[in-house]
PDB file of N, CA and C in Angstrom:
ATOM      1  N   MET A   1     -57.306 -28.078 -16.329  1.00  0.00           N
ATOM      2  CA  MET A   1     -57.777 -26.735 -16.469  1.00  0.00           C
ATOM      3  C   MET A   1     -58.678 -26.602 -17.693  1.00  0.00           C
ATOM      4  N   LEU A   2     -58.374 -27.307 -18.772  1.00  0.00           N
ATOM      5  CA  LEU A   2     -59.156 -27.183 -19.994  1.00  0.00           C
ATOM      6  C   LEU A   2     -60.532 -27.834 -19.874  1.00  0.00           C
ATOM      7  N   GLU A   3     -60.725 -28.734 -18.906  1.00  0.00           N
ATOM      8  CA  GLU A   3     -62.017 -29.397 -18.798  1.00  0.00           C
ATOM      9  C   GLU A   3     -63.114 -28.473 -18.267  1.00  0.00           C
ATOM     10  N   HIS A   4     -62.763 -27.311 -17.699  1.00  0.00           N
ATOM     11  CA  HIS A   4     -63.749 -26.362 -17.189  1.00  0.00           C
ATOM     12  C   HIS A   4     -64.143 -25.317 -18.230  1.00  0.00           C
ATOM     13  N   LEU A   5     -63.500 -25.294 -19.375  1.00  0.00           N
ATOM     14  CA  LEU A   5     -63.799 -24.318 -20.415  1.00  0.00           C
ATOM     15  C   LEU A   5     -64.798 -24.883 -21.414  1.00  0.00           C
ATOM     16  N   PRO A   6     -65.573 -24.007 -22.064  1.00  0.00           N
ATOM     17  CA  PRO A   6     -66.477 -24.484 -23.124  1.00  0.00           C
ATOM     18  C   PRO A   6     -65.679 -25.087 -24.279  1.00  0.00           C
ATOM     19  N   GLN A   7     -66.290 -26.020 -24.993  1.00  0.00           N
ATOM     20  CA  GLN A   7     -65.620 -26.755 -26.059  1.00  0.00           C
ATOM     21  C   GLN A   7     -65.140 -25.827 -27.176  1.00  0.00           C
ATOM     22  N   GLU A   8     -65.887 -24.762 -27.472  1.00  0.00           N
ATOM     23  CA  GLU A   8     -65.483 -23.834 -28.536  1.00  0.00           C
ATOM     24  C   GLU A   8     -64.162 -23.148 -28.194  1.00  0.00           C
ATOM     25  N   ILE A   9     -63.978 -22.803 -26.931  1.00  0.00           N
ATOM     26  CA  ILE A   9     -62.732 -22.146 -26.516  1.00  0.00           C
ATOM     27  C   ILE A   9     -61.571 -23.137 -26.569  1.00  0.00           C
ATOM     28  N   VAL A  10     -61.803 -24.366 -26.139  1.00  0.00           N
ATOM     29  CA  VAL A  10     -60.757 -25.385 -26.193  1.00  0.00           C
ATOM     30  C   VAL A  10     -60.331 -25.627 -27.636  1.00  0.00           C
ATOM     31  N   ASP A  11     -61.314 -25.727 -28.543  1.00  0.00           N
ATOM     32  CA  ASP A  11     -60.992 -25.918 -29.965  1.00  0.00           C
ATOM     33  C   ASP A  11     -60.205 -24.735 -30.514  1.00  0.00           C
ATOM     34  N   GLY A  12     -60.574 -23.523 -30.119  1.00  0.00           N
ATOM     35  CA  GLY A  12     -59.855 -22.329 -30.556  1.00  0.00           C
ATOM     36  C   GLY A  12     -58.417 -22.308 -30.056  1.00  0.00           C
ATOM     37  N   LEU A  13     -58.202 -22.763 -28.823  1.00  0.00           N
ATOM     38  CA  LEU A  13     -56.839 -22.826 -28.281  1.00  0.00           C
ATOM     39  C   LEU A  13     -55.984 -23.826 -29.056  1.00  0.00           C
ATOM     40  N   TYR A  14     -56.551 -24.987 -29.387  1.00  0.00           N
ATOM     41  CA  TYR A  14     -55.807 -25.983 -30.160  1.00  0.00           C
ATOM     42  C   TYR A  14     -55.482 -25.471 -31.561  1.00  0.00           C
ATOM     43  N   GLN A  15     -56.433 -24.775 -32.184  1.00  0.00           N
ATOM     44  CA  GLN A  15     -56.189 -24.219 -33.518  1.00  0.00           C
ATOM     45  C   GLN A  15     -55.107 -23.144 -33.474  1.00  0.00           C
ATOM     46  N   ALA A  16     -55.127 -22.309 -32.445  1.00  0.00           N
ATOM     47  CA  ALA A  16     -54.098 -21.271 -32.311  1.00  0.00           C
ATOM     48  C   ALA A  16     -52.724 -21.903 -32.115  1.00  0.00           C
ATOM     49  N   ARG A  17     -52.651 -22.981 -31.338  1.00  0.00           N
ATOM     50  CA  ARG A  17     -51.378 -23.671 -31.123  1.00  0.00           C
ATOM     51  C   ARG A  17     -50.857 -24.264 -32.430  1.00  0.00           C
ATOM     52  N   GLU A  18     -51.762 -24.820 -33.241  1.00  0.00           N
ATOM     53  CA  GLU A  18     -51.352 -25.390 -34.521  1.00  0.00           C
ATOM     54  C   GLU A  18     -50.874 -24.311 -35.490  1.00  0.00           C
ATOM     55  N   ARG A  19     -51.540 -23.157 -35.505  1.00  0.00           N
ATOM     56  CA  ARG A  19     -51.099 -22.052 -36.376  1.00  0.00           C
ATOM     57  C   ARG A  19     -49.718 -21.560 -35.964  1.00  0.00           C
ATOM     58  N   LYS A  20     -49.497 -21.456 -34.660  1.00  0.00           N
ATOM     59  CA  LYS A  20     -48.191 -21.018 -34.169  1.00  0.00           C
ATOM     60  C   LYS A  20     -47.107 -22.031 -34.546  1.00  0.00           C
ATOM     61  N   ALA A  21     -47.425 -23.314 -34.467  1.00  0.00           N
ATOM     62  CA  ALA A  21     -46.446 -24.354 -34.806  1.00  0.00           C
ATOM     63  C   ALA A  21     -46.102 -24.311 -36.285  1.00  0.00           C
ATOM     64  N   ARG A  22     -47.067 -23.982 -37.141  1.00  0.00           N
ATOM     65  CA  ARG A  22     -46.774 -23.903 -38.571  1.00  0.00           C
ATOM     66  C   ARG A  22     -45.831 -22.751 -38.880  1.00  0.00           C
ATOM     67  N   ARG A  23     -45.894 -21.685 -38.090  1.00  0.00           N
ATOM     68  CA  ARG A  23     -45.004 -20.543 -38.307  1.00  0.00           C
ATOM     69  C   ARG A  23     -43.625 -20.771 -37.698  1.00  0.00           C
ATOM     70  N   SER A  24     -43.509 -21.734 -36.828  1.00  0.00           N
ATOM     71  CA  SER A  24     -42.241 -22.016 -36.170  1.00  0.00           C
ATOM     72  C   SER A  24     -41.230 -22.557 -37.174  1.00  0.00           C
ATOM     73  N   ARG A  25     -39.989 -22.180 -36.988  1.00  0.00           N
ATOM     74  CA  ARG A  25     -38.923 -22.665 -37.863  1.00  0.00           C
ATOM     75  C   ARG A  25     -38.312 -23.951 -37.337  1.00  0.00           C
ATOM     76  N   LEU A  26     -38.614 -24.316 -36.083  1.00  0.00           N
ATOM     77  CA  LEU A  26     -38.038 -25.516 -35.496  1.00  0.00           C
ATOM     78  C   LEU A  26     -38.624 -26.757 -36.146  1.00  0.00           C
ATOM     79  N   ARG A  27     -37.747 -27.714 -36.432  1.00  0.00           N
ATOM     80  CA  ARG A  27     -38.187 -28.959 -37.062  1.00  0.00           C
ATOM     81  C   ARG A  27     -37.242 -30.074 -36.668  1.00  0.00           C
ATOM     82  N   VAL A  28     -37.770 -31.280 -36.709  1.00  0.00           N
ATOM     83  CA  VAL A  28     -36.981 -32.480 -36.439  1.00  0.00           C
ATOM     84  C   VAL A  28     -36.748 -33.172 -37.756  1.00  0.00           C
ATOM     85  N   GLN A  29     -35.512 -33.559 -37.999  1.00  0.00           N
ATOM     86  CA  GLN A  29     -35.200 -34.297 -39.209  1.00  0.00           C
ATOM     87  C   GLN A  29     -34.711 -35.676 -38.809  1.00  0.00           C
ATOM     88  N   LEU A  30     -35.385 -36.671 -39.380  1.00  0.00           N
ATOM     89  CA  LEU A  30     -35.048 -38.056 -39.111  1.00  0.00           C
ATOM     90  C   LEU A  30     -34.880 -38.728 -40.461  1.00  0.00           C
ATOM     91  N   GLY A  31     -33.645 -38.810 -40.933  1.00  0.00           N
ATOM     92  CA  GLY A  31     -33.386 -39.294 -42.284  1.00  0.00           C
ATOM     93  C   GLY A  31     -33.872 -38.255 -43.282  1.00  0.00           C
ATOM     94  N   GLU A  32     -34.765 -38.650 -44.180  1.00  0.00           N
ATOM     95  CA  GLU A  32     -35.341 -37.716 -45.160  1.00  0.00           C
ATOM     96  C   GLU A  32     -36.636 -37.083 -44.659  1.00  0.00           C
ATOM     97  N   ALA A  33     -37.221 -37.617 -43.600  1.00  0.00           N
ATOM     98  CA  ALA A  33     -38.493 -37.115 -43.079  1.00  0.00           C
ATOM     99  C   ALA A  33     -38.264 -35.887 -42.204  1.00  0.00           C
ATOM    100  N   VAL A  34     -39.171 -34.908 -42.331  1.00  0.00           N
ATOM    101  CA  VAL A  34     -39.087 -33.664 -41.570  1.00  0.00           C
ATOM    102  C   VAL A  34     -40.420 -33.459 -40.855  1.00  0.00           C
ATOM    103  N   PHE A  35     -40.363 -33.154 -39.543  1.00  0.00           N
ATOM    104  CA  PHE A  35     -41.562 -32.954 -38.734  1.00  0.00           C
ATOM    105  C   PHE A  35     -41.458 -31.620 -37.998  1.00  0.00           C
ATOM    106  N   PRO A  36     -42.512 -30.768 -38.027  1.00  0.00           N
ATOM    107  CA  PRO A  36     -42.459 -29.493 -37.312  1.00  0.00           C
ATOM    108  C   PRO A  36     -42.547 -29.701 -35.799  1.00  0.00           C
ATOM    109  N   VAL A  37     -41.828 -28.864 -35.055  1.00  0.00           N
ATOM    110  CA  VAL A  37     -41.771 -28.944 -33.601  1.00  0.00           C
ATOM    111  C   VAL A  37     -42.785 -27.971 -33.010  1.00  0.00           C
ATOM    112  N   LEU A  38     -43.621 -28.462 -32.089  1.00  0.00           N
ATOM    113  CA  LEU A  38     -44.579 -27.602 -31.399  1.00  0.00           C
ATOM    114  C   LEU A  38     -43.972 -26.971 -30.161  1.00  0.00           C
ATOM    115  N   GLY A  39     -43.105 -27.693 -29.470  1.00  0.00           N
ATOM    116  CA  GLY A  39     -42.476 -27.177 -28.262  1.00  0.00           C
ATOM    117  C   GLY A  39     -41.170 -27.886 -27.982  1.00  0.00           C
ATOM    118  N   LEU A  40     -40.246 -27.167 -27.351  1.00  0.00           N
ATOM    119  CA  LEU A  40     -38.934 -27.728 -27.042  1.00  0.00           C
ATOM    120  C   LEU A  40     -38.491 -27.209 -25.686  1.00  0.00           C
ATOM    121  N   THR A  41     -38.163 -28.131 -24.778  1.00  0.00           N
ATOM    122  CA  THR A  41     -37.579 -27.772 -23.488  1.00  0.00           C
ATOM    123  C   THR A  41     -36.268 -28.529 -23.341  1.00  0.00           C
ATOM    124  N   GLU A  42     -35.653 -28.423 -22.169  1.00  0.00           N
ATOM    125  CA  GLU A  42     -34.379 -29.116 -21.949  1.00  0.00           C
ATOM    126  C   GLU A  42     -34.550 -30.632 -21.953  1.00  0.00           C
ATOM    127  N   THR A  43     -35.714 -31.114 -21.514  1.00  0.00           N
ATOM    128  CA  THR A  43     -35.901 -32.560 -21.370  1.00  0.00           C
ATOM    129  C   THR A  43     -36.948 -33.145 -22.308  1.00  0.00           C
ATOM    130  N   THR A  44     -37.756 -32.312 -22.976  1.00  0.00           N
ATOM    131  CA  THR A  44     -38.820 -32.840 -23.836  1.00  0.00           C
ATOM    132  C   THR A  44     -38.879 -32.125 -25.173  1.00  0.00           C
ATOM    133  N   LEU A  45     -39.485 -32.812 -26.111  1.00  0.00           N
ATOM    134  CA  LEU A  45     -39.732 -32.311 -27.458  1.00  0.00           C
ATOM    135  C   LEU A  45     -41.177 -32.652 -27.782  1.00  0.00           C
ATOM    136  N   THR A  46     -41.960 -31.660 -28.233  1.00  0.00           N
ATOM    137  CA  THR A  46     -43.375 -31.875 -28.502  1.00  0.00           C
ATOM    138  C   THR A  46     -43.641 -31.745 -29.990  1.00  0.00           C
ATOM    139  N   LEU A  47     -44.321 -32.755 -30.560  1.00  0.00           N
ATOM    140  CA  LEU A  47     -44.640 -32.804 -31.983  1.00  0.00           C
ATOM    141  C   LEU A  47     -46.127 -33.091 -32.153  1.00  0.00           C
ATOM    142  N   ASP A  48     -46.646 -32.917 -33.372  1.00  0.00           N
ATOM    143  CA  ASP A  48     -48.035 -33.232 -33.679  1.00  0.00           C
ATOM    144  C   ASP A  48     -48.174 -34.750 -33.797  1.00  0.00           C
ATOM    145  N   ALA A  49     -49.054 -35.335 -32.986  1.00  0.00           N
ATOM    146  CA  ALA A  49     -49.186 -36.793 -32.954  1.00  0.00           C
ATOM    147  C   ALA A  49     -49.810 -37.346 -34.223  1.00  0.00           C
ATOM    148  N   ALA A  50     -50.632 -36.555 -34.906  1.00  0.00           N
ATOM    149  CA  ALA A  50     -51.296 -37.049 -36.111  1.00  0.00           C
ATOM    150  C   ALA A  50     -50.328 -37.190 -37.281  1.00  0.00           C
ATOM    151  N   ARG A  51     -49.304 -36.343 -37.329  1.00  0.00           N
ATOM    152  CA  ARG A  51     -48.378 -36.359 -38.471  1.00  0.00           C
ATOM    153  C   ARG A  51     -47.050 -37.032 -38.182  1.00  0.00           C
ATOM    154  N   THR A  52     -46.791 -37.369 -36.930  1.00  0.00           N
ATOM    155  CA  THR A  52     -45.482 -37.878 -36.545  1.00  0.00           C
ATOM    156  C   THR A  52     -45.590 -39.310 -36.039  1.00  0.00           C
ATOM    157  N   PRO A  53     -44.738 -40.209 -36.524  1.00  0.00           N
ATOM    158  CA  PRO A  53     -44.721 -41.557 -35.949  1.00  0.00           C
ATOM    159  C   PRO A  53     -44.050 -41.527 -34.585  1.00  0.00           C
ATOM    160  N   LYS A  54     -44.196 -42.612 -33.831  1.00  0.00           N
ATOM    161  CA  LYS A  54     -43.510 -42.695 -32.535  1.00  0.00           C
ATOM    162  C   LYS A  54     -42.008 -42.677 -32.779  1.00  0.00           C
ATOM    163  N   LEU A  55     -41.337 -41.715 -32.198  1.00  0.00           N
ATOM    164  CA  LEU A  55     -39.900 -41.570 -32.394  1.00  0.00           C
ATOM    165  C   LEU A  55     -39.141 -42.233 -31.262  1.00  0.00           C
ATOM    166  N   ARG A  56     -37.994 -42.773 -31.592  1.00  0.00           N
ATOM    167  CA  ARG A  56     -37.095 -43.364 -30.607  1.00  0.00           C
ATOM    168  C   ARG A  56     -35.709 -43.358 -31.231  1.00  0.00           C
ATOM    169  N   GLY A  57     -34.719 -42.995 -30.451  1.00  0.00           N
ATOM    170  CA  GLY A  57     -33.360 -42.980 -30.950  1.00  0.00           C
ATOM    171  C   GLY A  57     -32.840 -41.568 -31.146  1.00  0.00           C
ATOM    172  N   LEU A  58     -31.828 -41.447 -31.963  1.00  0.00           N
ATOM    173  CA  LEU A  58     -31.127 -40.182 -32.178  1.00  0.00           C
ATOM    174  C   LEU A  58     -31.838 -39.337 -33.229  1.00  0.00           C
ATOM    175  N   VAL A  59     -32.160 -38.089 -32.886  1.00  0.00           N
ATOM    176  CA  VAL A  59     -32.810 -37.170 -33.818  1.00  0.00           C
ATOM    177  C   VAL A  59     -32.027 -35.858 -33.851  1.00  0.00           C
ATOM    178  N   ASP A  60     -32.158 -35.144 -34.969  1.00  0.00           N
ATOM    179  CA  ASP A  60     -31.530 -33.846 -35.141  1.00  0.00           C
ATOM    180  C   ASP A  60     -32.613 -32.781 -35.176  1.00  0.00           C
ATOM    181  N   VAL A  61     -32.412 -31.675 -34.435  1.00  0.00           N
ATOM    182  CA  VAL A  61     -33.363 -30.571 -34.395  1.00  0.00           C
ATOM    183  C   VAL A  61     -32.722 -29.386 -35.108  1.00  0.00           C
ATOM    184  N   PHE A  62     -33.490 -28.772 -36.006  1.00  0.00           N
ATOM    185  CA  PHE A  62     -33.009 -27.655 -36.807  1.00  0.00           C
ATOM    186  C   PHE A  62     -33.861 -26.423 -36.566  1.00  0.00           C
ATOM    187  N   ASP A  63     -33.241 -25.265 -36.633  1.00  0.00           N
ATOM    188  CA  ASP A  63     -33.933 -23.981 -36.642  1.00  0.00           C
ATOM    189  C   ASP A  63     -33.721 -23.413 -38.040  1.00  0.00           C
ATOM    190  N   GLY A  64     -34.686 -23.643 -38.906  1.00  0.00           N
ATOM    191  CA  GLY A  64     -34.499 -23.308 -40.312  1.00  0.00           C
ATOM    192  C   GLY A  64     -33.492 -24.274 -40.905  1.00  0.00           C
ATOM    193  N   ALA A  65     -32.379 -23.740 -41.400  1.00  0.00           N
ATOM    194  CA  ALA A  65     -31.332 -24.586 -41.961  1.00  0.00           C
ATOM    195  C   ALA A  65     -30.198 -24.831 -40.977  1.00  0.00           C
ATOM    196  N   ARG A  66     -30.247 -24.186 -39.818  1.00  0.00           N
ATOM    197  CA  ARG A  66     -29.164 -24.279 -38.837  1.00  0.00           C
ATOM    198  C   ARG A  66     -29.413 -25.437 -37.874  1.00  0.00           C
ATOM    199  N   HIS A  67     -28.454 -26.339 -37.773  1.00  0.00           N
ATOM    200  CA  HIS A  67     -28.521 -27.488 -36.878  1.00  0.00           C
ATOM    201  C   HIS A  67     -28.240 -26.991 -35.466  1.00  0.00           C
ATOM    202  N   ILE A  68     -29.212 -27.140 -34.536  1.00  0.00           N
ATOM    203  CA  ILE A  68     -29.027 -26.574 -33.203  1.00  0.00           C
ATOM    204  C   ILE A  68     -28.903 -27.616 -32.095  1.00  0.00           C
ATOM    205  N   LEU A  69     -29.459 -28.817 -32.309  1.00  0.00           N
ATOM    206  CA  LEU A  69     -29.515 -29.774 -31.212  1.00  0.00           C
ATOM    207  C   LEU A  69     -29.533 -31.191 -31.754  1.00  0.00           C
ATOM    208  N   GLN A  70     -28.888 -32.075 -31.000  1.00  0.00           N
ATOM    209  CA  GLN A  70     -28.973 -33.497 -31.287  1.00  0.00           C
ATOM    210  C   GLN A  70     -29.412 -34.168 -29.996  1.00  0.00           C
ATOM    211  N   GLY A  71     -30.489 -34.954 -30.068  1.00  0.00           N
ATOM    212  CA  GLY A  71     -31.030 -35.550 -28.856  1.00  0.00           C
ATOM    213  C   GLY A  71     -31.294 -37.028 -29.008  1.00  0.00           C
ATOM    214  N   LEU A  72     -31.244 -37.731 -27.882  1.00  0.00           N
ATOM    215  CA  LEU A  72     -31.524 -39.160 -27.834  1.00  0.00           C
ATOM    216  C   LEU A  72     -32.876 -39.344 -27.149  1.00  0.00           C
ATOM    217  N   ILE A  73     -33.877 -39.770 -27.908  1.00  0.00           N
ATOM    218  CA  ILE A  73     -35.233 -39.942 -27.384  1.00  0.00           C
ATOM    219  C   ILE A  73     -35.373 -41.354 -26.839  1.00  0.00           C
ATOM    220  N   VAL A  74     -35.840 -41.462 -25.583  1.00  0.00           N
ATOM    221  CA  VAL A  74     -35.990 -42.774 -24.954  1.00  0.00           C
ATOM    222  C   VAL A  74     -37.437 -43.106 -24.638  1.00  0.00           C
ATOM    223  N   ALA A  75     -38.313 -42.105 -24.544  1.00  0.00           N
ATOM    224  CA  ALA A  75     -39.711 -42.380 -24.212  1.00  0.00           C
ATOM    225  C   ALA A  75     -40.612 -41.384 -24.931  1.00  0.00           C
ATOM    226  N   THR A  76     -41.788 -41.870 -25.364  1.00  0.00           N
ATOM    227  CA  THR A  76     -42.780 -41.001 -25.981  1.00  0.00           C
ATOM    228  C   THR A  76     -44.150 -41.317 -25.405  1.00  0.00           C
ATOM    229  N   ARG A  77     -44.991 -40.293 -25.362  1.00  0.00           N
ATOM    230  CA  ARG A  77     -46.376 -40.475 -24.939  1.00  0.00           C
ATOM    231  C   ARG A  77     -47.232 -39.463 -25.683  1.00  0.00           C
ATOM    232  N   VAL A  78     -48.515 -39.767 -25.837  1.00  0.00           N
ATOM    233  CA  VAL A  78     -49.439 -38.872 -26.522  1.00  0.00           C
ATOM    234  C   VAL A  78     -50.316 -38.192 -25.476  1.00  0.00           C
ATOM    235  N   GLU A  79     -50.331 -36.851 -25.507  1.00  0.00           N
ATOM    236  CA  GLU A  79     -51.159 -36.062 -24.598  1.00  0.00           C
ATOM    237  C   GLU A  79     -51.876 -34.997 -25.404  1.00  0.00           C
ATOM    238  N   ALA A  80     -53.198 -35.028 -25.411  1.00  0.00           N
ATOM    239  CA  ALA A  80     -54.036 -34.012 -26.063  1.00  0.00           C
ATOM    240  C   ALA A  80     -53.648 -33.801 -27.527  1.00  0.00           C
ATOM    241  N   GLY A  81     -53.421 -34.886 -28.251  1.00  0.00           N
ATOM    242  CA  GLY A  81     -53.098 -34.785 -29.668  1.00  0.00           C
ATOM    243  C   GLY A  81     -51.664 -34.415 -29.964  1.00  0.00           C
ATOM    244  N   GLN A  82     -50.822 -34.383 -28.936  1.00  0.00           N
ATOM    245  CA  GLN A  82     -49.412 -34.049 -29.118  1.00  0.00           C
ATOM    246  C   GLN A  82     -48.554 -35.225 -28.689  1.00  0.00           C
ATOM    247  N   LEU A  83     -47.493 -35.442 -29.434  1.00  0.00           N
ATOM    248  CA  LEU A  83     -46.529 -36.490 -29.123  1.00  0.00           C
ATOM    249  C   LEU A  83     -45.410 -35.849 -28.302  1.00  0.00           C
ATOM    250  N   VAL A  84     -45.303 -36.253 -27.047  1.00  0.00           N
ATOM    251  CA  VAL A  84     -44.279 -35.707 -26.149  1.00  0.00           C
ATOM    252  C   VAL A  84     -43.145 -36.714 -26.067  1.00  0.00           C
ATOM    253  N   CYS A  85     -41.958 -36.320 -26.529  1.00  0.00           N
ATOM    254  CA  CYS A  85     -40.778 -37.180 -26.534  1.00  0.00           C
ATOM    255  C   CYS A  85     -39.830 -36.717 -25.436  1.00  0.00           C
ATOM    256  N   GLU A  86     -39.342 -37.651 -24.642  1.00  0.00           N
ATOM    257  CA  GLU A  86     -38.414 -37.323 -23.561  1.00  0.00           C
ATOM    258  C   GLU A  86     -36.996 -37.677 -23.977  1.00  0.00           C
ATOM    259  N   PHE A  87     -36.081 -36.740 -23.696  1.00  0.00           N
ATOM    260  CA  PHE A  87     -34.673 -36.932 -24.022  1.00  0.00           C
ATOM    261  C   PHE A  87     -33.957 -37.666 -22.897  1.00  0.00           C
ATOM    262  N   LYS A  88     -33.088 -38.591 -23.258  1.00  0.00           N
ATOM    263  CA  LYS A  88     -32.135 -39.131 -22.295  1.00  0.00           C
ATOM    264  C   LYS A  88     -30.967 -38.163 -22.201  1.00  0.00           C
ATOM    265  N   ARG A  89     -30.589 -37.648 -23.374  1.00  0.00           N
ATOM    266  CA  ARG A  89     -29.562 -36.612 -23.432  1.00  0.00           C
ATOM    267  C   ARG A  89     -29.860 -35.710 -24.615  1.00  0.00           C
ATOM    268  N   SER A  90     -29.490 -34.462 -24.478  1.00  0.00           N
ATOM    269  CA  SER A  90     -29.586 -33.526 -25.599  1.00  0.00           C
ATOM    270  C   SER A  90     -28.307 -32.695 -25.607  1.00  0.00           C
ATOM    271  N   THR A  91     -27.719 -32.572 -26.780  1.00  0.00           N
ATOM    272  CA  THR A  91     -26.445 -31.894 -26.923  1.00  0.00           C
ATOM    273  C   THR A  91     -26.590 -30.747 -27.910  1.00  0.00           C
ATOM    274  N   LEU A  92     -26.215 -29.555 -27.479  1.00  0.00           N
ATOM    275  CA  LEU A  92     -26.227 -28.414 -28.377  1.00  0.00           C
ATOM    276  C   LEU A  92     -25.112 -28.572 -29.398  1.00  0.00           C
ATOM    277  N   VAL A  93     -25.394 -28.205 -30.622  1.00  0.00           N
ATOM    278  CA  VAL A  93     -24.397 -28.287 -31.685  1.00  0.00           C
ATOM    279  C   VAL A  93     -23.636 -26.969 -31.702  1.00  0.00           C
ATOM    280  N   LEU A  94     -22.320 -27.040 -31.637  1.00  0.00           N
ATOM    281  CA  LEU A  94     -21.469 -25.853 -31.595  1.00  0.00           C
ATOM    282  C   LEU A  94     -20.829 -25.608 -32.962  1.00  0.00           C
ATOM    283  N   ASP A  95     -20.506 -24.338 -33.231  1.00  0.00           N
ATOM    284  CA  ASP A  95     -19.847 -23.988 -34.490  1.00  0.00           C
ATOM    285  C   ASP A  95     -18.366 -24.318 -34.473  1.00  0.00           C
ATOM    286  N   ALA A  96     -17.775 -24.346 -33.290  1.00  0.00           N
ATOM    287  CA  ALA A  96     -16.346 -24.610 -33.161  1.00  0.00           C
ATOM    288  C   ALA A  96     -16.138 -25.825 -32.254  1.00  0.00           C
ATOM    289  N   ALA A  97     -14.965 -26.391 -32.321  1.00  0.00           N
ATOM    290  CA  ALA A  97     -14.632 -27.526 -31.468  1.00  0.00           C
ATOM    291  C   ALA A  97     -14.533 -27.063 -30.013  1.00  0.00           C
ATOM    292  N   PRO A  98     -14.936 -27.896 -29.066  1.00  0.00           N
ATOM    293  CA  PRO A  98     -14.828 -27.510 -27.664  1.00  0.00           C
ATOM    294  C   PRO A  98     -13.368 -27.411 -27.235  1.00  0.00           C
ATOM    295  N   LEU A  99     -13.108 -26.503 -26.323  1.00  0.00           N
ATOM    296  CA  LEU A  99     -11.745 -26.325 -25.821  1.00  0.00           C
ATOM    297  C   LEU A  99     -11.443 -27.372 -24.764  1.00  0.00           C
ATOM    298  N   ASP A 100     -10.207 -27.824 -24.706  1.00  0.00           N
ATOM    299  CA  ASP A 100      -9.823 -28.771 -23.680  1.00  0.00           C
ATOM    300  C   ASP A 100      -9.009 -28.095 -22.572  1.00  0.00           C
ATOM    301  N   TYR A 101      -9.114 -26.765 -22.486  1.00  0.00           N
ATOM    302  CA  TYR A 101      -8.453 -26.003 -21.443  1.00  0.00           C
ATOM    303  C   TYR A 101      -9.331 -24.805 -21.098  1.00  0.00           C
ATOM    304  N   GLU A 102      -9.048 -24.203 -19.938  1.00  0.00           N
ATOM    305  CA  GLU A 102      -9.813 -23.042 -19.494  1.00  0.00           C
ATOM    306  C   GLU A 102      -9.143 -21.767 -20.001  1.00  0.00           C
ATOM    307  N   ARG A 103      -9.932 -20.885 -20.592  1.00  0.00           N
ATOM    308  CA  ARG A 103      -9.375 -19.625 -21.064  1.00  0.00           C
ATOM    309  C   ARG A 103      -9.226 -18.665 -19.901  1.00  0.00           C
ATOM    310  N   ASP A 104      -8.082 -17.996 -19.847  1.00  0.00           N
ATOM    311  CA  ASP A 104      -7.813 -17.020 -18.804  1.00  0.00           C
ATOM    312  C   ASP A 104      -8.535 -15.723 -19.160  1.00  0.00           C
ATOM    313  N   GLU A 105      -9.364 -15.238 -18.246  1.00  0.00           N
ATOM    314  CA  GLU A 105     -10.133 -14.023 -18.505  1.00  0.00           C
ATOM    315  C   GLU A 105      -9.241 -12.780 -18.527  1.00  0.00           C
ATOM    316  N   SER A 106      -8.060 -12.833 -17.903  1.00  0.00           N
ATOM    317  CA  SER A 106      -7.179 -11.673 -17.862  1.00  0.00           C
ATOM    318  C   SER A 106      -6.107 -11.716 -18.953  1.00  0.00           C
ATOM    319  N   ARG A 107      -6.264 -12.564 -19.940  1.00  0.00           N
ATOM    320  CA  ARG A 107      -5.281 -12.661 -21.020  1.00  0.00           C
ATOM    321  C   ARG A 107      -5.353 -11.401 -21.880  1.00  0.00           C
ATOM    322  N   PRO A 108      -4.263 -11.057 -22.546  1.00  0.00           N
ATOM    323  CA  PRO A 108      -4.290  -9.882 -23.409  1.00  0.00           C
ATOM    324  C   PRO A 108      -5.167 -10.129 -24.637  1.00  0.00           C
ATOM    325  N   VAL A 109      -5.901  -9.113 -25.026  1.00  0.00           N
ATOM    326  CA  VAL A 109      -6.789  -9.235 -26.172  1.00  0.00           C
ATOM    327  C   VAL A 109      -6.006  -9.061 -27.464  1.00  0.00           C
ATOM    328  N   GLY A 110      -4.996  -8.193 -27.436  1.00  0.00           N
ATOM    329  CA  GLY A 110      -4.151  -7.957 -28.600  1.00  0.00           C
ATOM    330  C   GLY A 110      -2.780  -7.500 -28.141  1.00  0.00           C
ATOM    331  N   TYR A 111      -1.855  -7.424 -29.071  1.00  0.00           N
ATOM    332  CA  TYR A 111      -0.493  -6.985 -28.763  1.00  0.00           C
ATOM    333  C   TYR A 111      -0.224  -5.671 -29.463  1.00  0.00           C
ATOM    334  N   LEU A 112       0.539  -4.795 -28.797  1.00  0.00           N
ATOM    335  CA  LEU A 112       0.951  -3.548 -29.403  1.00  0.00           C
ATOM    336  C   LEU A 112       2.245  -3.761 -30.181  1.00  0.00           C
ATOM    337  N   PRO A 113       2.401  -3.137 -31.339  1.00  0.00           N
ATOM    338  CA  PRO A 113       3.633  -3.321 -32.112  1.00  0.00           C
ATOM    339  C   PRO A 113       4.793  -2.607 -31.443  1.00  0.00           C
ATOM    340  N   ARG A 114       6.021  -3.112 -31.641  1.00  0.00           N
ATOM    341  CA  ARG A 114       7.231  -2.462 -31.113  1.00  0.00           C
ATOM    342  C   ARG A 114       7.666  -1.362 -32.034  1.00  0.00           C
ATOM    343  N   ASN A 115       8.058  -0.250 -31.497  1.00  0.00           N
ATOM    344  CA  ASN A 115       8.555   0.887 -32.294  1.00  0.00           C
ATOM    345  C   ASN A 115      10.022   1.060 -32.151  1.00  0.00           C
TER     346      ASN A 115
END
């Protein structure tokens, strides 16, 4: 689709995408190195190819200071100046331990005191 547009418009679209990525709080942390995230889906992670080395293995994704995702990257490719990393698995980070039983929806929310 971009090949039918004038070059000035294509350049403007890329610049707008880069400005939006700089404002994004999403980032990948790999050891001490931190890389801003351009896009995140269930199966892929998009980073700036010029600033990011080829990633492979376990990475942590943060939203500001909050750890939100841990993913295992198995494949990367460069498309239009962006590094697209594919997850083998991605796991959301939870604040509490997962339950090993099903909660009953009809359970009492609280107890009344005896008089």
